[in-house]
Every structure is written in structure tokens, then in C-alpha cells.
């Protein structure tokens, strides 16, 4: 009975920190990851890259055909992006869904330049692994902003800076 309660608590905690559709961190999980990395940086100073990705619009996804039975086309695209990202990014990089079509990535011990190179590899991988949706091959792309996180900033301040970089 105690084990079942602990398993239930584990599941509840996981749901509090993870997006159920993409199995990535959610905003709360992202904030925890940024706080953890900030604490690590206080003990062992080093760079911390933070990126925000916004899935670009595609006509095939914005206007699915009438016979679409598989659900929201953008949801399928987001899940595909998350899967490709998890396969492409390093295990220590924290991927979080922060909006309907947006993600953030925490790059521990990584400069903004190196984080930008990682995102370029992700974009190349998306080009090589298009989304197959309704008998179409759709190459997904994203806009991104990358910053060097300041250890003195709160997770929300760092995320705001990365969002601004993405919008520019």
C-alpha cells in the first residue's frame, strides 16, 4: 500500500513537471531545471545556454484536409518536433514545452554559440526526418532565440530574455 502511494505520488509529481502530449518538461519543470542549473553554476561557474524555439507555420498544417481524423495537425507536428529534439540533443539538455507551438531548451555548461550550433543540428535533423502527415511529407522548421543565461537572473527573467531573442 505504501509502495502504491509512493508510485501515485511519483506519477502526480511527474504530471506537475511534464507536458503529457510531448513527454517533455512543462513550464514548471523548466523553472526547476533553470534553478538547478543556477545552483550548480554557483558551485562550479560556467556557461549556461538557454534557447526558445517557435514552430514555424506550414500551410499543410494550418489548413488540414476535411478528412482529417487524426486530430490537431499542429499537435502532431509538436510531438514530432519533440521526438526529433530528444534524439538530437544531449541527454543533459532539458527540453520543455512552454506554449502551444513553443519549446525552451536549457543547455548546461554550454555557451550561447554552442547552443546555437546544437539548434542548427536539430534543424538539419528535422530536414532529414520530415513529418509524415495525411500522405504528405512536411519538413518542419522553427525560429529560435539563444541567450547566455545570467546566473543572477530568475528563471522567468532568463526565459523572457530568450523569448525576446526569438522574436527578433
C-alpha atoms as a PDB file:
ATOM      1  CA  UNK A   1       0.000   0.000   0.000  1.00  0.00           C
ATOM      2  CA  UNK A   2       2.865   2.394   0.828  1.00  0.00           C
ATOM      3  CA  UNK A   3       4.545   1.493  -2.460  1.00  0.00           C
ATOM      4  CA  UNK A   4       1.326   2.200  -4.359  1.00  0.00           C
ATOM      5  CA  UNK A   5       1.019   5.602  -2.632  1.00  0.00           C
ATOM      6  CA  UNK A   6       4.643   6.416  -3.497  1.00  0.00           C
ATOM      7  CA  UNK A   7       4.055   5.382  -7.118  1.00  0.00           C
ATOM      8  CA  UNK A   8       0.959   7.595  -7.225  1.00  0.00           C
ATOM      9  CA  UNK A   9       2.940  10.498  -5.771  1.00  0.00           C
ATOM     10  CA  UNK A  10       5.691   9.889  -8.343  1.00  0.00           C
ATOM     11  CA  UNK A  11       3.110   9.973 -11.144  1.00  0.00           C
ATOM     12  CA  UNK A  12       1.490  13.157  -9.772  1.00  0.00           C
ATOM     13  CA  UNK A  13       4.881  14.879  -9.452  1.00  0.00           C
ATOM     14  CA  UNK A  14       5.784  13.824 -12.994  1.00  0.00           C
ATOM     15  CA  UNK A  15       2.491  15.259 -14.314  1.00  0.00           C
ATOM     16  CA  UNK A  16       3.178  18.516 -12.458  1.00  0.00           C
ATOM     17  CA  UNK A  17       6.531  18.932 -14.254  1.00  0.00           C
ATOM     18  CA  UNK A  18       5.892  17.304 -17.648  1.00  0.00           C
ATOM     19  CA  UNK A  19       3.742  18.026 -20.669  1.00  0.00           C
ATOM     20  CA  UNK A  20       1.556  14.934 -21.237  1.00  0.00           C
ATOM     21  CA  UNK A  21       1.419  15.312 -25.049  1.00  0.00           C
ATOM     22  CA  UNK A  22       5.154  15.631 -25.721  1.00  0.00           C
ATOM     23  CA  UNK A  23       6.625  13.999 -22.599  1.00  0.00           C
ATOM     24  CA  UNK A  24       8.922  16.985 -22.228  1.00  0.00           C
ATOM     25  CA  UNK A  25       9.158  19.290 -19.248  1.00  0.00           C
ATOM     26  CA  UNK A  26       6.446  21.908 -18.873  1.00  0.00           C
ATOM     27  CA  UNK A  27       6.970  25.485 -17.644  1.00  0.00           C
ATOM     28  CA  UNK A  28       7.200  24.377 -14.005  1.00  0.00           C
ATOM     29  CA  UNK A  29       9.728  21.700 -14.919  1.00  0.00           C
ATOM     30  CA  UNK A  30      11.691  24.278 -16.926  1.00  0.00           C
ATOM     31  CA  UNK A  31      11.832  26.648 -13.957  1.00  0.00           C
ATOM     32  CA  UNK A  32      13.080  23.803 -11.735  1.00  0.00           C
ATOM     33  CA  UNK A  33      15.744  22.884 -14.309  1.00  0.00           C
ATOM     34  CA  UNK A  34      16.905  26.510 -14.536  1.00  0.00           C
ATOM     35  CA  UNK A  35      17.031  26.819 -10.732  1.00  0.00           C
ATOM     36  CA  UNK A  36      19.021  23.588 -10.503  1.00  0.00           C
ATOM     37  CA  UNK A  37      21.498  24.762 -13.139  1.00  0.00           C
ATOM     38  CA  UNK A  38      21.817  28.167 -11.453  1.00  0.00           C
ATOM     39  CA  UNK A  39      22.667  26.412  -8.176  1.00  0.00           C
ATOM     40  CA  UNK A  40      25.219  24.235  -9.981  1.00  0.00           C
ATOM     41  CA  UNK A  41      26.731  27.355 -11.581  1.00  0.00           C
ATOM     42  CA  UNK A  42      27.185  28.942  -8.158  1.00  0.00           C
ATOM     43  CA  UNK A  43      29.228  25.895  -7.084  1.00  0.00           C
ATOM     44  CA  UNK A  44      31.013  25.383 -10.420  1.00  0.00           C
ATOM     45  CA  UNK A  45      30.855  28.564 -12.538  1.00  0.00           C
ATOM     46  CA  UNK A  46      30.406  28.015 -16.248  1.00  0.00           C
ATOM     47  CA  UNK A  47      28.230  28.973 -19.190  1.00  0.00           C
ATOM     48  CA  UNK A  48      24.532  28.171 -19.367  1.00  0.00           C
ATOM     49  CA  UNK A  49      22.752  28.427 -22.707  1.00  0.00           C
ATOM     50  CA  UNK A  50      19.006  28.912 -22.958  1.00  0.00           C
ATOM     51  CA  UNK A  51      17.032  28.754 -26.188  1.00  0.00           C
ATOM     52  CA  UNK A  52      13.415  29.278 -27.156  1.00  0.00           C
ATOM     53  CA  UNK A  53      12.059  27.566 -30.279  1.00  0.00           C
ATOM     54  CA  UNK A  54       8.830  28.504 -32.029  1.00  0.00           C
ATOM     55  CA  UNK A  55       7.466  26.096 -34.632  1.00  0.00           C
ATOM     56  CA  UNK A  56       7.061  27.905 -37.948  1.00  0.00           C
ATOM     57  CA  UNK A  57       3.638  27.829 -39.617  1.00  0.00           C
ATOM     58  CA  UNK A  58       3.155  25.495 -42.542  1.00  0.00           C
ATOM     59  CA  UNK A  59       0.194  25.705 -44.914  1.00  0.00           C
ATOM     60  CA  UNK A  60      -0.332  21.937 -44.805  1.00  0.00           C
ATOM     61  CA  UNK A  61      -0.648  22.091 -41.010  1.00  0.00           C
ATOM     62  CA  UNK A  62      -2.685  25.283 -40.819  1.00  0.00           C
ATOM     63  CA  UNK A  63      -5.315  24.005 -43.261  1.00  0.00           C
ATOM     64  CA  UNK A  64      -5.685  20.227 -42.835  1.00  0.00           C
ATOM     65  CA  UNK A  65      -7.994  18.422 -45.224  1.00  0.00           C
ATOM     66  CA  UNK A  66     -11.642  17.712 -44.418  1.00  0.00           C
ATOM     67  CA  UNK A  67     -10.981  14.003 -43.896  1.00  0.00           C
ATOM     68  CA  UNK A  68      -8.534  14.666 -41.043  1.00  0.00           C
ATOM     69  CA  UNK A  69      -9.347  12.031 -38.427  1.00  0.00           C
ATOM     70  CA  UNK A  70      -6.030  12.026 -36.617  1.00  0.00           C
ATOM     71  CA  UNK A  71      -6.603  15.151 -34.519  1.00  0.00           C
ATOM     72  CA  UNK A  72      -4.945  18.526 -34.474  1.00  0.00           C
ATOM     73  CA  UNK A  73      -2.268  18.782 -37.166  1.00  0.00           C
ATOM     74  CA  UNK A  74      -0.190  21.173 -35.089  1.00  0.00           C
ATOM     75  CA  UNK A  75      -0.278  18.751 -32.148  1.00  0.00           C
ATOM     76  CA  UNK A  76       1.136  16.044 -34.405  1.00  0.00           C
ATOM     77  CA  UNK A  77       3.863  18.456 -35.548  1.00  0.00           C
ATOM     78  CA  UNK A  78       4.741  19.415 -31.954  1.00  0.00           C
ATOM     79  CA  UNK A  79       5.031  15.756 -30.956  1.00  0.00           C
ATOM     80  CA  UNK A  80       7.281  15.100 -33.970  1.00  0.00           C
ATOM     81  CA  UNK A  81       9.477  18.092 -33.111  1.00  0.00           C
ATOM     82  CA  UNK A  82       9.792  16.897 -29.501  1.00  0.00           C
ATOM     83  CA  UNK A  83      10.760  13.369 -30.586  1.00  0.00           C
ATOM     84  CA  UNK A  84      13.394  14.572 -33.034  1.00  0.00           C
ATOM     85  CA  UNK A  85      14.755  17.025 -30.454  1.00  0.00           C
ATOM     86  CA  UNK A  86      15.080  14.312 -27.799  1.00  0.00           C
ATOM     87  CA  UNK A  87      17.022  12.162 -30.267  1.00  0.00           C
ATOM     88  CA  UNK A  88      19.261  15.050 -31.372  1.00  0.00           C
ATOM     89  CA  UNK A  89      20.000  16.974 -28.173  1.00  0.00           C
ATOM     90  CA  UNK A  90      22.323  15.707 -25.458  1.00  0.00           C
ATOM     91  CA  UNK A  91      20.798  13.793 -22.524  1.00  0.00           C
ATOM     92  CA  UNK A  92      21.708  16.621 -20.118  1.00  0.00           C
ATOM     93  CA  UNK A  93      19.887  19.253 -22.220  1.00  0.00           C
ATOM     94  CA  UNK A  94      16.443  19.954 -20.756  1.00  0.00           C
ATOM     95  CA  UNK A  95      13.636  20.296 -23.325  1.00  0.00           C
ATOM     96  CA  UNK A  96      10.415  21.983 -22.145  1.00  0.00           C
ATOM     97  CA  UNK A  97       7.161  22.816 -23.873  1.00  0.00           C
ATOM     98  CA  UNK A  98       6.284  26.399 -22.964  1.00  0.00           C
ATOM     99  CA  UNK A  99       3.365  27.153 -25.291  1.00  0.00           C
ATOM    100  CA  UNK A 100       1.129  25.512 -27.890  1.00  0.00           C
ATOM    101  CA  UNK A 101       3.897  25.616 -30.508  1.00  0.00           C
ATOM    102  CA  UNK A 102       6.917  26.644 -28.452  1.00  0.00           C
ATOM    103  CA  UNK A 103       9.740  24.958 -26.565  1.00  0.00           C
ATOM    104  CA  UNK A 104      12.660  26.034 -24.432  1.00  0.00           C
ATOM    105  CA  UNK A 105      15.963  24.190 -24.111  1.00  0.00           C
ATOM    106  CA  UNK A 106      18.385  24.509 -21.206  1.00  0.00           C
ATOM    107  CA  UNK A 107      21.956  23.770 -22.310  1.00  0.00           C
ATOM    108  CA  UNK A 108      24.105  23.137 -19.193  1.00  0.00           C
ATOM    109  CA  UNK A 109      27.802  24.022 -19.416  1.00  0.00           C
ATOM    110  CA  UNK A 110      27.210  25.377 -22.922  1.00  0.00           C
ATOM    111  CA  UNK A 111      27.882  28.793 -24.409  1.00  0.00           C
ATOM    112  CA  UNK A 112      25.216  30.561 -26.441  1.00  0.00           C
ATOM    113  CA  UNK A 113      27.298  29.914 -29.575  1.00  0.00           C
ATOM    114  CA  UNK A 114      27.498  26.176 -28.897  1.00  0.00           C
ATOM    115  CA  UNK A 115      23.752  26.113 -28.113  1.00  0.00           C
ATOM    116  CA  UNK A 116      23.077  27.810 -31.470  1.00  0.00           C
ATOM    117  CA  UNK A 117      25.148  25.085 -33.183  1.00  0.00           C
ATOM    118  CA  UNK A 118      23.049  22.434 -31.406  1.00  0.00           C
ATOM    119  CA  UNK A 119      19.885  24.094 -32.724  1.00  0.00           C
ATOM    120  CA  UNK A 120      21.335  24.121 -36.239  1.00  0.00           C
ATOM    121  CA  UNK A 121      21.912  20.355 -35.899  1.00  0.00           C
ATOM    122  CA  UNK A 122      18.302  19.974 -34.734  1.00  0.00           C
ATOM    123  CA  UNK A 123      17.030  21.930 -37.755  1.00  0.00           C
ATOM    124  CA  UNK A 124      19.150  19.778 -40.077  1.00  0.00           C
ATOM    125  CA  UNK A 125      17.777  16.634 -38.438  1.00  0.00           C
ATOM    126  CA  UNK A 126      14.204  17.908 -38.911  1.00  0.00           C
ATOM    127  CA  UNK A 127      15.008  18.408 -42.601  1.00  0.00           C
ATOM    128  CA  UNK A 128      16.231  14.826 -42.850  1.00  0.00           C
ATOM    129  CA  UNK A 129      13.270  13.436 -40.875  1.00  0.00           C
ATOM    130  CA  UNK A 130      10.145  15.134 -42.238  1.00  0.00           C
ATOM    131  CA  UNK A 131       6.754  14.722 -40.617  1.00  0.00           C
ATOM    132  CA  UNK A 132       4.550  12.261 -42.483  1.00  0.00           C
ATOM    133  CA  UNK A 133       1.005  13.563 -42.142  1.00  0.00           C
ATOM    134  CA  UNK A 134      -2.042  12.739 -44.292  1.00  0.00           C
ATOM    135  CA  UNK A 135       0.097  11.212 -47.030  1.00  0.00           C
ATOM    136  CA  UNK A 136       2.276  14.329 -47.111  1.00  0.00           C
ATOM    137  CA  UNK A 137       5.911  14.756 -46.214  1.00  0.00           C
ATOM    138  CA  UNK A 138       6.198  18.038 -44.309  1.00  0.00           C
ATOM    139  CA  UNK A 139       9.580  19.482 -43.405  1.00  0.00           C
ATOM    140  CA  UNK A 140       9.185  21.312 -40.103  1.00  0.00           C
ATOM    141  CA  UNK A 141      11.208  24.388 -39.237  1.00  0.00           C
ATOM    142  CA  UNK A 142      11.416  26.702 -36.285  1.00  0.00           C
ATOM    143  CA  UNK A 143      12.512  30.168 -35.298  1.00  0.00           C
ATOM    144  CA  UNK A 144      14.832  30.346 -32.321  1.00  0.00           C
ATOM    145  CA  UNK A 145      16.455  32.716 -29.906  1.00  0.00           C
ATOM    146  CA  UNK A 146      19.504  31.779 -27.839  1.00  0.00           C
ATOM    147  CA  UNK A 147      20.960  33.584 -24.844  1.00  0.00           C
ATOM    148  CA  UNK A 148      23.744  33.094 -22.353  1.00  0.00           C
ATOM    149  CA  UNK A 149      21.781  32.873 -19.099  1.00  0.00           C
ATOM    150  CA  UNK A 150      22.892  35.237 -16.363  1.00  0.00           C
ATOM    151  CA  UNK A 151      23.274  33.326 -13.074  1.00  0.00           C
ATOM    152  CA  UNK A 152      21.789  36.292 -11.187  1.00  0.00           C
ATOM    153  CA  UNK A 153      18.518  36.228 -13.110  1.00  0.00           C
ATOM    154  CA  UNK A 154      15.409  34.353 -12.067  1.00  0.00           C
ATOM    155  CA  UNK A 155      14.169  31.582 -14.361  1.00  0.00           C
ATOM    156  CA  UNK A 156      11.355  33.880 -15.530  1.00  0.00           C
ATOM    157  CA  UNK A 157      13.817  36.688 -16.365  1.00  0.00           C
ATOM    158  CA  UNK A 158      16.024  34.290 -18.328  1.00  0.00           C
ATOM    159  CA  UNK A 159      13.032  32.880 -20.193  1.00  0.00           C
ATOM    160  CA  UNK A 160      11.807  36.398 -21.003  1.00  0.00           C
ATOM    161  CA  UNK A 161      15.220  37.283 -22.471  1.00  0.00           C
ATOM    162  CA  UNK A 162      15.233  34.108 -24.588  1.00  0.00           C
ATOM    163  CA  UNK A 163      11.686  34.838 -25.798  1.00  0.00           C
ATOM    164  CA  UNK A 164      12.772  38.338 -26.810  1.00  0.00           C
ATOM    165  CA  UNK A 165      15.748  36.886 -28.684  1.00  0.00           C
ATOM    166  CA  UNK A 166      13.387  34.513 -30.518  1.00  0.00           C
ATOM    167  CA  UNK A 167      11.108  37.364 -31.563  1.00  0.00           C
ATOM    168  CA  UNK A 168      13.965  39.390 -33.076  1.00  0.00           C
END
